[in-house]
């Protein structure tokens, strides 16, 4: 199964693509879509859509895993929240247009799955992603977050398949 993790943002949208057979996990691709912070907002949204469309066309994921809506410190600035909501909307549109099934995973679930603690620091998640996926060198923060989303769902996926009686 090919899983695409997506960490939405209006300035940087991280993505990570992994292949998992339920036992072994292989990283296929990861990166960050950077539409340019100084560009008009609608142009940035278009760049996010087109960038994700290219990633999905290249890798043909079976499932997209998107960071779910959350409440917390970032929610204190309504302008930032609205921009994030727009970016998430574009991500959901790109996934739907590609005909890819989608699930949402909360940041706390990712932290718990990757580090064992739902209140882990972002840096702890990033280091565990590198360790678990045997990645060398620097992995951009947003790409590491996206890989963590895909990895979290890969851990859950065998359970989902077993409870559905197979797929």
N, C-alpha and C. Protein backbone atom coordinates (compact mmCIF):
# COMPACT_ATOMS: atom_id res chain seq x y z
N UNK A 1 0.84 -1.16 0.00
CA UNK A 1 0.00 0.00 0.00
C UNK A 1 0.89 1.24 0.00
N UNK A 2 0.51 2.22 -0.80
CA UNK A 2 1.25 3.48 -0.85
C UNK A 2 0.44 4.54 -0.11
N UNK A 3 1.10 5.15 0.88
CA UNK A 3 0.45 6.17 1.71
C UNK A 3 1.13 7.51 1.49
N UNK A 4 0.32 8.54 1.35
CA UNK A 4 0.80 9.91 1.19
C UNK A 4 0.40 10.71 2.42
N UNK A 5 1.38 11.13 3.21
CA UNK A 5 1.12 12.01 4.35
C UNK A 5 1.21 13.45 3.89
N UNK A 6 0.29 14.29 4.37
CA UNK A 6 0.27 15.70 3.98
C UNK A 6 0.12 16.56 5.22
N UNK A 7 1.07 17.48 5.40
CA UNK A 7 1.04 18.45 6.48
C UNK A 7 0.73 19.82 5.86
N UNK A 8 -0.56 20.22 5.85
CA UNK A 8 -0.95 21.44 5.15
C UNK A 8 -0.41 22.72 5.79
N UNK A 9 -0.14 23.69 4.95
CA UNK A 9 0.24 25.02 5.38
C UNK A 9 0.16 25.95 4.19
N UNK A 10 -0.10 27.22 4.43
CA UNK A 10 -0.24 28.15 3.31
C UNK A 10 1.10 28.65 2.80
N UNK A 11 2.15 28.53 3.60
CA UNK A 11 3.49 28.93 3.17
C UNK A 11 4.33 27.71 2.81
N UNK A 12 4.17 26.63 3.60
CA UNK A 12 4.89 25.37 3.35
C UNK A 12 3.92 24.22 3.58
N UNK A 13 3.80 23.35 2.61
CA UNK A 13 3.01 22.13 2.75
C UNK A 13 3.95 20.94 2.60
N UNK A 14 4.06 20.16 3.67
CA UNK A 14 4.93 19.01 3.64
C UNK A 14 4.21 17.79 3.10
N UNK A 15 4.97 16.93 2.42
CA UNK A 15 4.42 15.66 1.94
C UNK A 15 5.45 14.56 2.15
N UNK A 16 4.94 13.36 2.36
CA UNK A 16 5.80 12.20 2.51
C UNK A 16 5.09 10.99 1.96
N UNK A 17 5.77 10.24 1.12
CA UNK A 17 5.17 9.06 0.49
C UNK A 17 5.94 7.83 0.95
N UNK A 18 5.20 6.86 1.48
CA UNK A 18 5.81 5.60 1.90
C UNK A 18 5.04 4.43 1.29
N UNK A 19 5.72 3.31 1.17
CA UNK A 19 5.09 2.06 0.76
C UNK A 19 5.18 1.12 1.96
N UNK A 20 4.07 0.47 2.28
CA UNK A 20 4.03 -0.43 3.42
C UNK A 20 3.26 -1.69 3.05
N UNK A 21 3.83 -2.83 3.40
CA UNK A 21 3.13 -4.10 3.18
C UNK A 21 2.62 -4.67 4.51
N UNK A 22 2.62 -3.85 5.56
CA UNK A 22 2.19 -4.31 6.87
C UNK A 22 3.35 -4.74 7.74
N UNK A 23 4.50 -5.00 7.12
CA UNK A 23 5.71 -5.39 7.87
C UNK A 23 6.86 -4.44 7.58
N UNK A 24 7.13 -4.26 6.30
CA UNK A 24 8.23 -3.40 5.90
C UNK A 24 7.70 -2.07 5.37
N UNK A 25 8.46 -1.02 5.65
CA UNK A 25 8.10 0.32 5.20
C UNK A 25 9.28 0.89 4.42
N UNK A 26 8.96 1.46 3.27
CA UNK A 26 9.99 2.04 2.42
C UNK A 26 9.58 3.47 2.08
N UNK A 27 10.50 4.41 2.24
CA UNK A 27 10.25 5.80 1.87
C UNK A 27 10.41 5.93 0.36
N UNK A 28 9.38 6.45 -0.30
CA UNK A 28 9.43 6.66 -1.74
C UNK A 28 9.80 8.09 -2.10
N UNK A 29 9.32 9.03 -1.31
CA UNK A 29 9.55 10.45 -1.64
C UNK A 29 9.12 11.30 -0.46
N UNK A 30 9.72 12.46 -0.33
CA UNK A 30 9.25 13.45 0.64
C UNK A 30 9.78 14.81 0.23
N UNK A 31 9.10 15.83 0.71
CA UNK A 31 9.54 17.17 0.39
C UNK A 31 8.57 18.21 0.91
N UNK A 32 8.79 19.44 0.48
CA UNK A 32 7.97 20.56 0.90
C UNK A 32 7.59 21.37 -0.33
N UNK A 33 6.32 21.66 -0.45
CA UNK A 33 5.83 22.55 -1.50
C UNK A 33 5.90 23.96 -0.91
N UNK A 34 6.69 24.81 -1.55
CA UNK A 34 6.90 26.19 -1.07
C UNK A 34 6.43 27.15 -2.16
N UNK A 35 5.18 27.58 -2.07
CA UNK A 35 4.65 28.44 -3.14
C UNK A 35 5.17 29.87 -3.12
N UNK A 36 5.90 30.26 -2.11
CA UNK A 36 6.43 31.63 -2.03
C UNK A 36 5.57 32.49 -1.13
N UNK A 37 6.08 32.83 0.02
CA UNK A 37 5.31 33.56 1.04
C UNK A 37 4.87 34.94 0.58
N UNK A 38 5.56 35.52 -0.38
CA UNK A 38 5.22 36.88 -0.82
C UNK A 38 4.25 36.89 -2.00
N UNK A 39 3.91 35.73 -2.51
CA UNK A 39 2.97 35.68 -3.62
C UNK A 39 1.55 35.90 -3.11
N UNK A 40 0.68 36.30 -4.01
CA UNK A 40 -0.73 36.45 -3.65
C UNK A 40 -1.25 35.13 -3.10
N UNK A 41 -2.15 35.23 -2.14
CA UNK A 41 -2.64 34.04 -1.44
C UNK A 41 -3.26 33.03 -2.39
N UNK A 42 -4.06 33.48 -3.34
CA UNK A 42 -4.71 32.54 -4.26
C UNK A 42 -3.69 31.82 -5.14
N UNK A 43 -2.58 32.47 -5.45
CA UNK A 43 -1.51 31.85 -6.23
C UNK A 43 -0.81 30.79 -5.39
N UNK A 44 -0.63 31.07 -4.11
CA UNK A 44 -0.04 30.07 -3.20
C UNK A 44 -0.93 28.84 -3.11
N UNK A 45 -2.23 29.06 -3.00
CA UNK A 45 -3.16 27.92 -2.92
C UNK A 45 -3.11 27.09 -4.19
N UNK A 46 -3.05 27.75 -5.33
CA UNK A 46 -2.95 27.04 -6.61
C UNK A 46 -1.66 26.22 -6.67
N UNK A 47 -0.55 26.78 -6.19
CA UNK A 47 0.72 26.06 -6.20
C UNK A 47 0.66 24.83 -5.30
N UNK A 48 -0.01 24.94 -4.15
CA UNK A 48 -0.17 23.79 -3.26
C UNK A 48 -0.97 22.70 -3.98
N UNK A 49 -2.08 23.09 -4.58
CA UNK A 49 -2.91 22.12 -5.30
C UNK A 49 -2.11 21.43 -6.40
N UNK A 50 -1.46 22.23 -7.24
CA UNK A 50 -0.73 21.66 -8.37
C UNK A 50 0.45 20.80 -7.92
N UNK A 51 1.14 21.23 -6.86
CA UNK A 51 2.26 20.44 -6.34
C UNK A 51 1.79 19.08 -5.84
N UNK A 52 0.70 19.07 -5.08
CA UNK A 52 0.17 17.79 -4.58
C UNK A 52 -0.36 16.93 -5.72
N UNK A 53 -0.98 17.56 -6.71
CA UNK A 53 -1.46 16.80 -7.87
C UNK A 53 -0.29 16.11 -8.57
N UNK A 54 0.84 16.79 -8.69
CA UNK A 54 2.03 16.19 -9.30
C UNK A 54 2.54 15.01 -8.48
N UNK A 55 2.59 15.18 -7.16
CA UNK A 55 3.06 14.09 -6.28
C UNK A 55 2.14 12.88 -6.42
N UNK A 56 0.82 13.12 -6.42
CA UNK A 56 -0.13 12.00 -6.52
C UNK A 56 -0.07 11.34 -7.89
N UNK A 57 0.15 12.11 -8.94
CA UNK A 57 0.28 11.53 -10.28
C UNK A 57 1.54 10.66 -10.37
N UNK A 58 2.60 11.09 -9.71
CA UNK A 58 3.87 10.35 -9.76
C UNK A 58 3.84 9.06 -8.95
N UNK A 59 3.13 9.07 -7.82
CA UNK A 59 3.20 7.93 -6.90
C UNK A 59 1.92 7.12 -6.78
N UNK A 60 0.83 7.61 -7.27
CA UNK A 60 -0.46 6.89 -7.24
C UNK A 60 -0.76 6.31 -5.85
N UNK A 61 -0.89 7.17 -4.84
CA UNK A 61 -1.13 6.65 -3.49
C UNK A 61 -2.50 5.96 -3.37
N UNK A 62 -2.55 4.98 -2.49
CA UNK A 62 -3.81 4.30 -2.18
C UNK A 62 -4.59 5.08 -1.13
N UNK A 63 -3.86 5.85 -0.32
CA UNK A 63 -4.48 6.55 0.79
C UNK A 63 -3.69 7.82 1.09
N UNK A 64 -4.43 8.91 1.32
CA UNK A 64 -3.81 10.16 1.77
C UNK A 64 -4.13 10.33 3.24
N UNK A 65 -3.13 10.73 4.01
CA UNK A 65 -3.28 10.95 5.44
C UNK A 65 -2.99 12.42 5.70
N UNK A 66 -4.03 13.15 6.11
CA UNK A 66 -3.93 14.59 6.28
C UNK A 66 -4.01 14.93 7.76
N UNK A 67 -3.20 15.89 8.18
CA UNK A 67 -3.28 16.32 9.57
C UNK A 67 -4.66 16.90 9.83
N UNK A 68 -5.30 16.41 10.88
CA UNK A 68 -6.64 16.85 11.23
C UNK A 68 -6.66 18.21 11.88
N UNK A 69 -7.83 18.77 11.95
CA UNK A 69 -8.02 20.07 12.59
C UNK A 69 -7.75 19.92 14.08
N UNK A 70 -7.10 20.90 14.65
CA UNK A 70 -6.79 20.84 16.06
C UNK A 70 -6.97 22.20 16.70
N UNK A 71 -7.06 22.20 18.00
CA UNK A 71 -7.13 23.43 18.77
C UNK A 71 -5.85 23.52 19.56
N UNK A 72 -5.35 24.71 19.71
CA UNK A 72 -4.11 24.84 20.47
C UNK A 72 -3.51 26.21 20.29
N UNK A 73 -2.22 26.26 20.48
CA UNK A 73 -1.55 27.56 20.49
C UNK A 73 -1.64 28.27 19.15
N UNK A 74 -1.60 27.53 18.06
CA UNK A 74 -1.67 28.19 16.75
C UNK A 74 -3.07 28.76 16.50
N UNK A 75 -4.07 28.29 17.24
CA UNK A 75 -5.44 28.73 17.02
C UNK A 75 -5.71 30.10 17.63
N UNK A 76 -4.72 30.72 18.27
CA UNK A 76 -4.93 32.01 18.90
C UNK A 76 -4.98 33.16 17.90
N UNK A 77 -4.38 32.99 16.75
CA UNK A 77 -4.39 34.02 15.71
C UNK A 77 -5.39 33.61 14.64
N UNK A 78 -6.54 34.28 14.62
CA UNK A 78 -7.63 33.89 13.72
C UNK A 78 -7.22 33.98 12.25
N UNK A 79 -6.37 34.97 11.92
CA UNK A 79 -5.90 35.10 10.54
C UNK A 79 -5.10 33.87 10.10
N UNK A 80 -4.24 33.38 10.98
CA UNK A 80 -3.44 32.18 10.68
C UNK A 80 -4.34 30.96 10.55
N UNK A 81 -5.33 30.88 11.42
CA UNK A 81 -6.26 29.74 11.38
C UNK A 81 -7.02 29.73 10.07
N UNK A 82 -7.47 30.89 9.63
CA UNK A 82 -8.22 30.96 8.36
C UNK A 82 -7.33 30.59 7.18
N UNK A 83 -6.09 31.04 7.18
CA UNK A 83 -5.18 30.67 6.08
C UNK A 83 -4.92 29.17 6.08
N UNK A 84 -4.72 28.60 7.27
CA UNK A 84 -4.52 27.15 7.37
C UNK A 84 -5.76 26.42 6.87
N UNK A 85 -6.95 26.91 7.22
CA UNK A 85 -8.20 26.28 6.77
C UNK A 85 -8.31 26.32 5.25
N UNK A 86 -7.92 27.43 4.64
CA UNK A 86 -7.92 27.51 3.18
C UNK A 86 -6.95 26.50 2.57
N UNK A 87 -5.76 26.42 3.15
CA UNK A 87 -4.76 25.48 2.64
C UNK A 87 -5.26 24.04 2.78
N UNK A 88 -5.87 23.72 3.91
CA UNK A 88 -6.43 22.37 4.11
C UNK A 88 -7.51 22.09 3.07
N UNK A 89 -8.34 23.09 2.80
CA UNK A 89 -9.38 22.92 1.79
C UNK A 89 -8.81 22.58 0.43
N UNK A 90 -7.74 23.25 0.07
CA UNK A 90 -7.08 22.98 -1.22
C UNK A 90 -6.48 21.58 -1.21
N UNK A 91 -5.90 21.18 -0.09
CA UNK A 91 -5.35 19.83 0.03
C UNK A 91 -6.46 18.80 -0.16
N UNK A 92 -7.58 18.99 0.53
CA UNK A 92 -8.70 18.05 0.42
C UNK A 92 -9.23 18.01 -1.01
N UNK A 93 -9.29 19.16 -1.67
CA UNK A 93 -9.73 19.21 -3.06
C UNK A 93 -8.78 18.42 -3.96
N UNK A 94 -7.48 18.61 -3.79
CA UNK A 94 -6.50 17.90 -4.63
C UNK A 94 -6.62 16.39 -4.44
N UNK A 95 -6.79 15.97 -3.19
CA UNK A 95 -6.93 14.53 -2.89
C UNK A 95 -8.21 13.99 -3.53
N UNK A 96 -9.32 14.71 -3.38
CA UNK A 96 -10.59 14.27 -3.96
C UNK A 96 -10.52 14.22 -5.48
N UNK A 97 -9.91 15.24 -6.08
CA UNK A 97 -9.77 15.28 -7.55
C UNK A 97 -8.95 14.10 -8.06
N UNK A 98 -7.99 13.66 -7.28
CA UNK A 98 -7.14 12.52 -7.68
C UNK A 98 -7.85 11.19 -7.43
N UNK A 99 -9.00 11.23 -6.75
CA UNK A 99 -9.74 10.00 -6.46
C UNK A 99 -9.07 9.14 -5.41
N UNK A 100 -8.33 9.77 -4.51
CA UNK A 100 -7.59 9.04 -3.48
C UNK A 100 -8.41 9.05 -2.19
N UNK A 101 -8.53 7.90 -1.56
CA UNK A 101 -9.18 7.80 -0.26
C UNK A 101 -8.38 8.62 0.75
N UNK A 102 -9.05 9.21 1.73
CA UNK A 102 -8.37 10.07 2.68
C UNK A 102 -8.82 9.79 4.11
N UNK A 103 -7.87 9.92 5.04
CA UNK A 103 -8.17 9.88 6.47
C UNK A 103 -7.48 11.07 7.11
N UNK A 104 -8.00 11.49 8.26
CA UNK A 104 -7.38 12.55 9.03
C UNK A 104 -6.84 11.96 10.32
N UNK A 105 -5.70 12.46 10.74
CA UNK A 105 -5.07 12.02 11.98
C UNK A 105 -4.69 13.26 12.76
N UNK A 106 -4.99 13.28 14.05
CA UNK A 106 -4.68 14.45 14.86
C UNK A 106 -3.20 14.49 15.22
N UNK A 107 -2.67 15.67 15.47
CA UNK A 107 -1.27 15.78 15.88
C UNK A 107 -0.97 14.95 17.14
N UNK A 108 -1.89 14.92 18.09
CA UNK A 108 -1.66 14.14 19.32
C UNK A 108 -1.55 12.65 19.00
N UNK A 109 -2.37 12.15 18.09
CA UNK A 109 -2.30 10.74 17.70
C UNK A 109 -0.96 10.42 17.02
N UNK A 110 -0.50 11.35 16.19
CA UNK A 110 0.80 11.16 15.53
C UNK A 110 1.91 11.10 16.57
N UNK A 111 1.90 12.06 17.48
CA UNK A 111 2.94 12.10 18.52
C UNK A 111 2.95 10.82 19.34
N UNK A 112 1.76 10.36 19.71
CA UNK A 112 1.68 9.14 20.52
C UNK A 112 2.16 7.92 19.73
N UNK A 113 1.77 7.85 18.47
CA UNK A 113 2.15 6.72 17.63
C UNK A 113 3.66 6.67 17.37
N UNK A 114 4.25 7.83 17.15
CA UNK A 114 5.66 7.88 16.76
C UNK A 114 6.59 7.87 17.96
N UNK A 115 6.21 8.58 19.04
CA UNK A 115 7.12 8.70 20.19
C UNK A 115 6.63 7.95 21.43
N UNK A 116 5.35 7.58 21.44
CA UNK A 116 4.79 6.92 22.62
C UNK A 116 4.17 7.90 23.61
N UNK A 117 4.22 9.20 23.27
CA UNK A 117 3.69 10.22 24.16
C UNK A 117 2.96 11.28 23.35
N UNK A 118 1.69 11.52 23.67
CA UNK A 118 0.85 12.45 22.92
C UNK A 118 1.20 13.91 23.04
N UNK A 119 2.10 14.23 23.96
CA UNK A 119 2.51 15.63 24.14
C UNK A 119 3.99 15.82 23.80
N UNK A 120 4.52 14.96 22.96
CA UNK A 120 5.93 15.05 22.58
C UNK A 120 6.19 16.34 21.81
N UNK A 121 7.41 16.79 21.86
CA UNK A 121 7.83 17.97 21.10
C UNK A 121 7.99 17.60 19.63
N UNK A 122 7.84 18.61 18.76
CA UNK A 122 8.01 18.38 17.33
C UNK A 122 9.38 17.80 17.01
N UNK A 123 10.39 18.28 17.71
CA UNK A 123 11.75 17.80 17.44
C UNK A 123 11.88 16.31 17.78
N UNK A 124 11.17 15.85 18.80
CA UNK A 124 11.21 14.43 19.15
C UNK A 124 10.56 13.59 18.04
N UNK A 125 9.44 14.08 17.51
CA UNK A 125 8.78 13.38 16.41
C UNK A 125 9.69 13.30 15.20
N UNK A 126 10.34 14.41 14.87
CA UNK A 126 11.23 14.45 13.72
C UNK A 126 12.39 13.48 13.86
N UNK A 127 12.98 13.43 15.02
CA UNK A 127 14.10 12.51 15.24
C UNK A 127 13.65 11.05 15.17
N UNK A 128 12.47 10.76 15.72
CA UNK A 128 11.96 9.38 15.66
C UNK A 128 11.62 8.98 14.22
N UNK A 129 11.08 9.90 13.44
CA UNK A 129 10.78 9.61 12.04
C UNK A 129 12.07 9.24 11.31
N UNK A 130 13.12 10.01 11.51
CA UNK A 130 14.40 9.71 10.88
C UNK A 130 14.92 8.34 11.31
N UNK A 131 14.79 8.05 12.60
CA UNK A 131 15.26 6.78 13.14
C UNK A 131 14.43 5.62 12.60
N UNK A 132 13.11 5.73 12.68
CA UNK A 132 12.23 4.65 12.25
C UNK A 132 12.32 4.36 10.75
N UNK A 133 12.51 5.41 9.97
CA UNK A 133 12.56 5.25 8.51
C UNK A 133 14.00 5.17 7.98
N UNK A 134 14.96 5.18 8.90
CA UNK A 134 16.38 5.06 8.54
C UNK A 134 16.81 6.13 7.53
N UNK A 135 16.41 7.37 7.81
CA UNK A 135 16.74 8.49 6.93
C UNK A 135 18.02 9.14 7.40
N UNK A 136 18.87 9.50 6.47
CA UNK A 136 20.14 10.15 6.77
C UNK A 136 20.03 11.63 6.41
N UNK A 137 20.81 12.44 7.07
CA UNK A 137 20.86 13.86 6.74
C UNK A 137 19.64 14.62 7.24
N UNK A 138 19.52 15.83 6.74
CA UNK A 138 18.46 16.73 7.17
C UNK A 138 17.15 16.40 6.44
N UNK A 139 16.08 16.31 7.20
CA UNK A 139 14.74 16.15 6.65
C UNK A 139 13.97 17.40 7.04
N UNK A 140 13.44 18.15 6.06
CA UNK A 140 12.70 19.36 6.41
C UNK A 140 11.56 19.07 7.40
N UNK A 141 11.36 19.99 8.33
CA UNK A 141 10.37 19.82 9.40
C UNK A 141 8.99 19.42 8.86
N UNK A 142 8.52 20.13 7.85
CA UNK A 142 7.18 19.83 7.32
C UNK A 142 7.12 18.48 6.62
N UNK A 143 8.21 18.09 5.97
CA UNK A 143 8.27 16.77 5.34
C UNK A 143 8.30 15.67 6.40
N UNK A 144 9.05 15.90 7.50
CA UNK A 144 9.09 14.93 8.59
C UNK A 144 7.70 14.76 9.21
N UNK A 145 6.98 15.87 9.37
CA UNK A 145 5.62 15.79 9.90
C UNK A 145 4.72 14.98 8.96
N UNK A 146 4.87 15.19 7.67
CA UNK A 146 4.06 14.44 6.69
C UNK A 146 4.42 12.95 6.71
N UNK A 147 5.70 12.65 6.80
CA UNK A 147 6.12 11.24 6.90
C UNK A 147 5.56 10.61 8.18
N UNK A 148 5.54 11.39 9.27
CA UNK A 148 4.99 10.88 10.53
C UNK A 148 3.50 10.55 10.39
N UNK A 149 2.77 11.37 9.64
CA UNK A 149 1.35 11.09 9.39
C UNK A 149 1.19 9.77 8.64
N UNK A 150 1.96 9.60 7.56
CA UNK A 150 1.87 8.36 6.78
C UNK A 150 2.29 7.16 7.62
N UNK A 151 3.34 7.32 8.39
CA UNK A 151 3.83 6.24 9.24
C UNK A 151 2.80 5.84 10.29
N UNK A 152 2.17 6.83 10.91
CA UNK A 152 1.12 6.57 11.90
C UNK A 152 0.01 5.73 11.29
N UNK A 153 -0.43 6.10 10.09
CA UNK A 153 -1.50 5.35 9.45
C UNK A 153 -1.04 3.97 9.02
N UNK A 154 0.24 3.83 8.66
CA UNK A 154 0.73 2.50 8.28
C UNK A 154 0.69 1.56 9.47
N UNK A 155 0.91 2.10 10.67
CA UNK A 155 0.81 1.27 11.88
C UNK A 155 -0.64 0.88 12.15
N UNK A 156 -1.56 1.76 11.83
CA UNK A 156 -2.99 1.51 12.05
C UNK A 156 -3.61 0.64 10.98
N UNK A 157 -3.11 0.72 9.77
CA UNK A 157 -3.73 0.09 8.60
C UNK A 157 -3.96 -1.42 8.75
N UNK A 158 -2.99 -2.19 9.25
CA UNK A 158 -3.25 -3.63 9.40
C UNK A 158 -4.45 -3.90 10.31
N UNK A 159 -4.61 -3.08 11.34
CA UNK A 159 -5.75 -3.22 12.24
C UNK A 159 -7.05 -2.92 11.51
N UNK A 160 -7.05 -1.86 10.69
CA UNK A 160 -8.25 -1.50 9.94
C UNK A 160 -8.63 -2.62 8.98
N UNK A 161 -7.66 -3.17 8.28
CA UNK A 161 -7.92 -4.26 7.34
C UNK A 161 -8.46 -5.48 8.09
N UNK A 162 -7.86 -5.81 9.23
CA UNK A 162 -8.30 -6.98 10.02
C UNK A 162 -9.72 -6.80 10.52
N UNK A 163 -10.10 -5.58 10.94
CA UNK A 163 -11.45 -5.38 11.46
C UNK A 163 -12.50 -5.34 10.36
N UNK A 164 -12.09 -5.06 9.14
CA UNK A 164 -13.02 -5.08 8.01
C UNK A 164 -13.12 -6.47 7.38
N UNK A 165 -12.29 -7.38 7.86
CA UNK A 165 -12.30 -8.72 7.28
C UNK A 165 -11.48 -8.82 6.02
N UNK A 166 -10.53 -7.90 5.85
CA UNK A 166 -9.67 -7.90 4.66
C UNK A 166 -10.21 -6.96 3.62
N UNK A 167 -9.35 -6.65 2.66
CA UNK A 167 -9.75 -5.76 1.57
C UNK A 167 -9.36 -6.34 0.25
